[in-house]
PDB file of N, CA and C in Angstrom:
ATOM      1  N   UNK A   1     178.356 182.444 329.162  1.00  0.00           N
ATOM      2  CA  UNK A   1     179.318 183.318 328.888  1.00  0.00           C
ATOM      3  C   UNK A   1     179.920 183.564 327.605  1.00  0.00           C
ATOM      4  N   UNK A   2     179.980 184.100 326.768  1.00  0.00           N
ATOM      5  CA  UNK A   2     180.808 184.153 325.523  1.00  0.00           C
ATOM      6  C   UNK A   2     181.901 184.234 325.538  1.00  0.00           C
ATOM      7  N   UNK A   3     182.629 183.449 324.654  1.00  0.00           N
ATOM      8  CA  UNK A   3     184.023 183.533 324.253  1.00  0.00           C
ATOM      9  C   UNK A   3     184.518 184.137 323.094  1.00  0.00           C
ATOM     10  N   UNK A   4     185.517 184.435 323.294  1.00  0.00           N
ATOM     11  CA  UNK A   4     186.304 185.237 321.671  1.00  0.00           C
ATOM     12  C   UNK A   4     187.418 184.020 321.616  1.00  0.00           C
ATOM     13  N   UNK A   5     187.934 184.368 320.427  1.00  0.00           N
ATOM     14  CA  UNK A   5     189.263 183.438 320.004  1.00  0.00           C
ATOM     15  C   UNK A   5     190.520 184.338 320.137  1.00  0.00           C
ATOM     16  N   UNK A   6     191.437 184.052 320.802  1.00  0.00           N
ATOM     17  CA  UNK A   6     192.727 184.633 320.937  1.00  0.00           C
ATOM     18  C   UNK A   6     193.269 184.757 319.679  1.00  0.00           C
ATOM     19  N   UNK A   7     193.509 185.662 319.080  1.00  0.00           N
ATOM     20  CA  UNK A   7     194.163 185.447 317.737  1.00  0.00           C
ATOM     21  C   UNK A   7     195.563 185.218 317.028  1.00  0.00           C
ATOM     22  N   UNK A   8     196.127 184.948 318.446  1.00  0.00           N
ATOM     23  CA  UNK A   8     197.520 185.008 318.274  1.00  0.00           C
ATOM     24  C   UNK A   8     198.065 183.045 318.840  1.00  0.00           C
ATOM     25  N   UNK A   9     197.208 182.230 319.462  1.00  0.00           N
ATOM     26  CA  UNK A   9     197.487 181.139 319.820  1.00  0.00           C
ATOM     27  C   UNK A   9     195.967 180.129 319.409  1.00  0.00           C
ATOM     28  N   UNK A  10     194.773 180.897 319.349  1.00  0.00           N
ATOM     29  CA  UNK A  10     193.813 180.019 319.184  1.00  0.00           C
ATOM     30  C   UNK A  10     192.762 179.863 320.361  1.00  0.00           C
ATOM     31  N   UNK A  11     193.538 179.849 321.648  1.00  0.00           N
ATOM     32  CA  UNK A  11     192.586 179.844 322.476  1.00  0.00           C
ATOM     33  C   UNK A  11     191.461 180.687 322.740  1.00  0.00           C
ATOM     34  N   UNK A  12     190.062 179.730 323.424  1.00  0.00           N
ATOM     35  CA  UNK A  12     189.040 180.529 323.308  1.00  0.00           C
ATOM     36  C   UNK A  12     189.074 181.131 324.964  1.00  0.00           C
ATOM     37  N   UNK A  13     188.726 182.272 325.256  1.00  0.00           N
ATOM     38  CA  UNK A  13     188.576 183.118 326.177  1.00  0.00           C
ATOM     39  C   UNK A  13     187.543 183.671 326.412  1.00  0.00           C
ATOM     40  N   UNK A  14     187.374 184.000 328.022  1.00  0.00           N
ATOM     41  CA  UNK A  14     185.956 185.058 328.007  1.00  0.00           C
ATOM     42  C   UNK A  14     186.673 186.099 327.813  1.00  0.00           C
ATOM     43  N   UNK A  15     186.052 187.220 327.498  1.00  0.00           N
ATOM     44  CA  UNK A  15     186.608 188.482 327.332  1.00  0.00           C
ATOM     45  C   UNK A  15     186.730 189.191 328.664  1.00  0.00           C
ATOM     46  N   UNK A  16     186.026 189.132 329.468  1.00  0.00           N
ATOM     47  CA  UNK A  16     185.898 189.430 330.752  1.00  0.00           C
ATOM     48  C   UNK A  16     187.215 189.332 331.768  1.00  0.00           C
ATOM     49  N   UNK A  17     187.571 187.965 331.391  1.00  0.00           N
ATOM     50  CA  UNK A  17     188.760 187.585 331.845  1.00  0.00           C
ATOM     51  C   UNK A  17     189.827 187.578 331.152  1.00  0.00           C
ATOM     52  N   UNK A  18     190.108 188.166 330.226  1.00  0.00           N
ATOM     53  CA  UNK A  18     191.135 188.178 329.463  1.00  0.00           C
ATOM     54  C   UNK A  18     192.298 189.015 330.195  1.00  0.00           C
ATOM     55  N   UNK A  19     193.595 188.460 330.059  1.00  0.00           N
ATOM     56  CA  UNK A  19     194.701 188.693 330.435  1.00  0.00           C
ATOM     57  C   UNK A  19     194.751 190.477 330.074  1.00  0.00           C
ATOM     58  N   UNK A  20     194.753 190.647 328.567  1.00  0.00           N
ATOM     59  CA  UNK A  20     194.799 191.709 327.999  1.00  0.00           C
ATOM     60  C   UNK A  20     193.961 192.337 326.761  1.00  0.00           C
ATOM     61  N   UNK A  21     193.756 193.034 326.400  1.00  0.00           N
ATOM     62  CA  UNK A  21     193.086 193.566 325.133  1.00  0.00           C
ATOM     63  C   UNK A  21     193.898 194.590 324.297  1.00  0.00           C
ATOM     64  N   UNK A  22     193.482 194.685 322.845  1.00  0.00           N
ATOM     65  CA  UNK A  22     194.078 195.669 321.816  1.00  0.00           C
ATOM     66  C   UNK A  22     192.717 196.055 320.928  1.00  0.00           C
ATOM     67  N   UNK A  23     193.116 197.102 320.451  1.00  0.00           N
ATOM     68  CA  UNK A  23     192.187 197.420 319.044  1.00  0.00           C
ATOM     69  C   UNK A  23     192.856 197.617 318.207  1.00  0.00           C
ATOM     70  N   UNK A  24     192.525 197.049 316.926  1.00  0.00           N
ATOM     71  CA  UNK A  24     193.102 197.275 315.877  1.00  0.00           C
ATOM     72  C   UNK A  24     192.201 197.366 314.796  1.00  0.00           C
ATOM     73  N   UNK A  25     192.193 198.598 313.781  1.00  0.00           N
ATOM     74  CA  UNK A  25     191.198 198.589 313.013  1.00  0.00           C
ATOM     75  C   UNK A  25     189.658 198.845 313.276  1.00  0.00           C
ATOM     76  N   UNK A  26     189.942 199.459 314.751  1.00  0.00           N
ATOM     77  CA  UNK A  26     188.369 199.486 315.144  1.00  0.00           C
ATOM     78  C   UNK A  26     187.498 198.317 315.724  1.00  0.00           C
ATOM     79  N   UNK A  27     188.570 197.078 315.630  1.00  0.00           N
ATOM     80  CA  UNK A  27     187.822 196.029 316.280  1.00  0.00           C
ATOM     81  C   UNK A  27     188.596 195.599 317.700  1.00  0.00           C
ATOM     82  N   UNK A  28     188.207 195.091 318.578  1.00  0.00           N
ATOM     83  CA  UNK A  28     188.667 194.803 319.812  1.00  0.00           C
ATOM     84  C   UNK A  28     189.302 193.373 319.548  1.00  0.00           C
ATOM     85  N   UNK A  29     190.599 192.764 320.048  1.00  0.00           N
ATOM     86  CA  UNK A  29     191.088 191.652 320.421  1.00  0.00           C
ATOM     87  C   UNK A  29     191.444 191.461 321.673  1.00  0.00           C
ATOM     88  N   UNK A  30     191.088 190.397 322.402  1.00  0.00           N
ATOM     89  CA  UNK A  30     191.627 189.363 323.850  1.00  0.00           C
ATOM     90  C   UNK A  30     192.406 188.609 323.557  1.00  0.00           C
ATOM     91  N   UNK A  31     193.315 188.370 324.616  1.00  0.00           N
ATOM     92  CA  UNK A  31     194.437 187.779 324.692  1.00  0.00           C
ATOM     93  C   UNK A  31     194.396 186.887 326.162  1.00  0.00           C
ATOM     94  N   UNK A  32     194.884 185.589 325.832  1.00  0.00           N
ATOM     95  CA  UNK A  32     195.042 184.984 327.092  1.00  0.00           C
ATOM     96  C   UNK A  32     196.248 185.163 328.158  1.00  0.00           C
ATOM     97  N   UNK A  33     197.216 185.848 327.119  1.00  0.00           N
ATOM     98  CA  UNK A  33     198.445 186.073 328.118  1.00  0.00           C
ATOM     99  C   UNK A  33     199.117 187.652 327.625  1.00  0.00           C
ATOM    100  N   UNK A  34     199.688 187.861 328.579  1.00  0.00           N
ATOM    101  CA  UNK A  34     200.949 188.992 327.711  1.00  0.00           C
ATOM    102  C   UNK A  34     201.662 188.649 326.730  1.00  0.00           C
ATOM    103  N   UNK A  35     202.311 187.488 326.747  1.00  0.00           N
ATOM    104  CA  UNK A  35     202.863 186.974 325.373  1.00  0.00           C
ATOM    105  C   UNK A  35     202.259 187.221 324.133  1.00  0.00           C
ATOM    106  N   UNK A  36     200.912 186.567 323.976  1.00  0.00           N
ATOM    107  CA  UNK A  36     200.071 187.115 322.878  1.00  0.00           C
ATOM    108  C   UNK A  36     199.979 187.999 322.540  1.00  0.00           C
ATOM    109  N   UNK A  37     199.412 189.042 323.766  1.00  0.00           N
ATOM    110  CA  UNK A  37     199.066 190.365 323.507  1.00  0.00           C
ATOM    111  C   UNK A  37     200.147 191.335 322.774  1.00  0.00           C
ATOM    112  N   UNK A  38     201.437 190.691 323.174  1.00  0.00           N
ATOM    113  CA  UNK A  38     202.648 191.676 322.669  1.00  0.00           C
ATOM    114  C   UNK A  38     202.887 190.894 321.424  1.00  0.00           C
ATOM    115  N   UNK A  39     202.636 190.099 321.215  1.00  0.00           N
ATOM    116  CA  UNK A  39     202.988 189.226 319.301  1.00  0.00           C
ATOM    117  C   UNK A  39     201.883 189.879 318.873  1.00  0.00           C
ATOM    118  N   UNK A  40     200.808 190.213 318.913  1.00  0.00           N
ATOM    119  CA  UNK A  40     199.757 190.830 317.903  1.00  0.00           C
ATOM    120  C   UNK A  40     199.866 192.488 317.992  1.00  0.00           C
ATOM    121  N   UNK A  41     200.569 193.099 319.239  1.00  0.00           N
ATOM    122  CA  UNK A  41     200.638 194.394 319.117  1.00  0.00           C
ATOM    123  C   UNK A  41     201.956 194.823 318.088  1.00  0.00           C
ATOM    124  N   UNK A  42     202.753 193.685 317.886  1.00  0.00           N
ATOM    125  CA  UNK A  42     204.195 193.787 317.130  1.00  0.00           C
ATOM    126  C   UNK A  42     203.662 193.521 315.519  1.00  0.00           C
ATOM    127  N   UNK A  43     202.446 192.728 315.654  1.00  0.00           N
ATOM    128  CA  UNK A  43     202.410 192.533 314.083  1.00  0.00           C
ATOM    129  C   UNK A  43     200.789 192.441 313.812  1.00  0.00           C
ATOM    130  N   UNK A  44     199.852 193.135 314.526  1.00  0.00           N
ATOM    131  CA  UNK A  44     198.623 192.931 314.067  1.00  0.00           C
ATOM    132  C   UNK A  44     197.975 192.280 312.555  1.00  0.00           C
ATOM    133  N   UNK A  45     198.680 192.968 311.746  1.00  0.00           N
ATOM    134  CA  UNK A  45     198.219 192.576 310.159  1.00  0.00           C
ATOM    135  C   UNK A  45     198.344 190.904 310.136  1.00  0.00           C
ATOM    136  N   UNK A  46     199.558 190.553 310.801  1.00  0.00           N
ATOM    137  CA  UNK A  46     199.604 189.099 310.426  1.00  0.00           C
ATOM    138  C   UNK A  46     198.565 188.477 311.333  1.00  0.00           C
ATOM    139  N   UNK A  47     197.862 188.769 312.343  1.00  0.00           N
ATOM    140  CA  UNK A  47     196.923 188.019 312.899  1.00  0.00           C
ATOM    141  C   UNK A  47     195.418 188.217 312.732  1.00  0.00           C
ATOM    142  N   UNK A  48     195.366 189.178 311.740  1.00  0.00           N
ATOM    143  CA  UNK A  48     193.960 189.543 311.361  1.00  0.00           C
ATOM    144  C   UNK A  48     193.513 189.257 309.968  1.00  0.00           C
ATOM    145  N   UNK A  49     195.011 189.037 309.087  1.00  0.00           N
ATOM    146  CA  UNK A  49     194.745 188.801 307.746  1.00  0.00           C
ATOM    147  C   UNK A  49     193.689 187.566 307.565  1.00  0.00           C
ATOM    148  N   UNK A  50     193.425 187.663 306.619  1.00  0.00           N
ATOM    149  CA  UNK A  50     192.331 186.397 306.030  1.00  0.00           C
ATOM    150  C   UNK A  50     192.828 185.623 306.109  1.00  0.00           C
ATOM    151  N   UNK A  51     194.234 185.137 305.567  1.00  0.00           N
ATOM    152  CA  UNK A  51     195.508 184.097 305.622  1.00  0.00           C
ATOM    153  C   UNK A  51     196.065 183.545 306.749  1.00  0.00           C
ATOM    154  N   UNK A  52     195.384 184.376 308.406  1.00  0.00           N
ATOM    155  CA  UNK A  52     196.321 184.083 309.279  1.00  0.00           C
ATOM    156  C   UNK A  52     196.056 182.952 309.746  1.00  0.00           C
ATOM    157  N   UNK A  53     197.336 181.978 310.470  1.00  0.00           N
ATOM    158  CA  UNK A  53     197.192 180.667 310.626  1.00  0.00           C
ATOM    159  C   UNK A  53     196.069 180.289 311.855  1.00  0.00           C
ATOM    160  N   UNK A  54     195.588 179.310 311.828  1.00  0.00           N
ATOM    161  CA  UNK A  54     194.588 179.019 312.735  1.00  0.00           C
ATOM    162  C   UNK A  54     195.330 179.246 314.617  1.00  0.00           C
ATOM    163  N   UNK A  55     196.494 178.784 314.257  1.00  0.00           N
ATOM    164  CA  UNK A  55     197.308 179.076 315.855  1.00  0.00           C
ATOM    165  C   UNK A  55     198.652 179.089 315.153  1.00  0.00           C
ATOM    166  N   UNK A  56     198.720 180.443 315.371  1.00  0.00           N
ATOM    167  CA  UNK A  56     200.371 180.996 315.037  1.00  0.00           C
ATOM    168  C   UNK A  56     201.679 180.426 315.980  1.00  0.00           C
ATOM    169  N   UNK A  57     201.431 179.841 316.778  1.00  0.00           N
ATOM    170  CA  UNK A  57     202.397 179.518 317.911  1.00  0.00           C
ATOM    171  C   UNK A  57     202.043 180.502 319.156  1.00  0.00           C
ATOM    172  N   UNK A  58     202.107 179.786 320.278  1.00  0.00           N
ATOM    173  CA  UNK A  58     201.677 180.235 321.761  1.00  0.00           C
ATOM    174  C   UNK A  58     202.766 181.112 322.080  1.00  0.00           C
ATOM    175  N   UNK A  59     202.248 181.871 323.327  1.00  0.00           N
ATOM    176  CA  UNK A  59     203.442 182.908 323.835  1.00  0.00           C
ATOM    177  C   UNK A  59     204.612 181.955 324.518  1.00  0.00           C
ATOM    178  N   UNK A  60     205.260 182.723 324.788  1.00  0.00           N
ATOM    179  CA  UNK A  60     206.944 182.142 325.124  1.00  0.00           C
ATOM    180  C   UNK A  60     206.751 182.182 326.503  1.00  0.00           C
ATOM    181  N   UNK A  61     205.568 182.378 327.342  1.00  0.00           N
ATOM    182  CA  UNK A  61     205.384 182.251 328.810  1.00  0.00           C
ATOM    183  C   UNK A  61     205.152 181.227 329.253  1.00  0.00           C
ATOM    184  N   UNK A  62     205.158 180.911 330.444  1.00  0.00           N
ATOM    185  CA  UNK A  62     204.440 179.910 330.961  1.00  0.00           C
ATOM    186  C   UNK A  62     203.167 179.384 331.436  1.00  0.00           C
ATOM    187  N   UNK A  63     202.478 180.555 330.500  1.00  0.00           N
ATOM    188  CA  UNK A  63     200.923 180.199 330.578  1.00  0.00           C
ATOM    189  C   UNK A  63     200.255 179.279 330.394  1.00  0.00           C
ATOM    190  N   UNK A  64     199.160 178.423 331.015  1.00  0.00           N
ATOM    191  CA  UNK A  64     198.898 177.401 330.782  1.00  0.00           C
ATOM    192  C   UNK A  64     198.372 176.834 329.042  1.00  0.00           C
ATOM    193  N   UNK A  65     198.531 177.845 328.134  1.00  0.00           N
ATOM    194  CA  UNK A  65     197.636 177.391 326.501  1.00  0.00           C
ATOM    195  C   UNK A  65     199.058 177.091 326.278  1.00  0.00           C
ATOM    196  N   UNK A  66     200.333 177.139 326.622  1.00  0.00           N
ATOM    197  CA  UNK A  66     201.429 177.163 325.573  1.00  0.00           C
ATOM    198  C   UNK A  66     201.937 175.426 325.913  1.00  0.00           C
TER     199      UNK A  66
END
């Protein structure tokens, strides 16, 4: 099982079990929660920049990663 990093909260997730996904500049990103997906969609450049924080703060939902 290969995992990827949720770019918003830093959680490691299996893309097959991701709650959501988005494509930005031709690359797919996967999310642990709708809250993380919403934050990414609102400011993708913030989460994909080379200087993006390692964990920019998790979702405001009751998701387990929070």
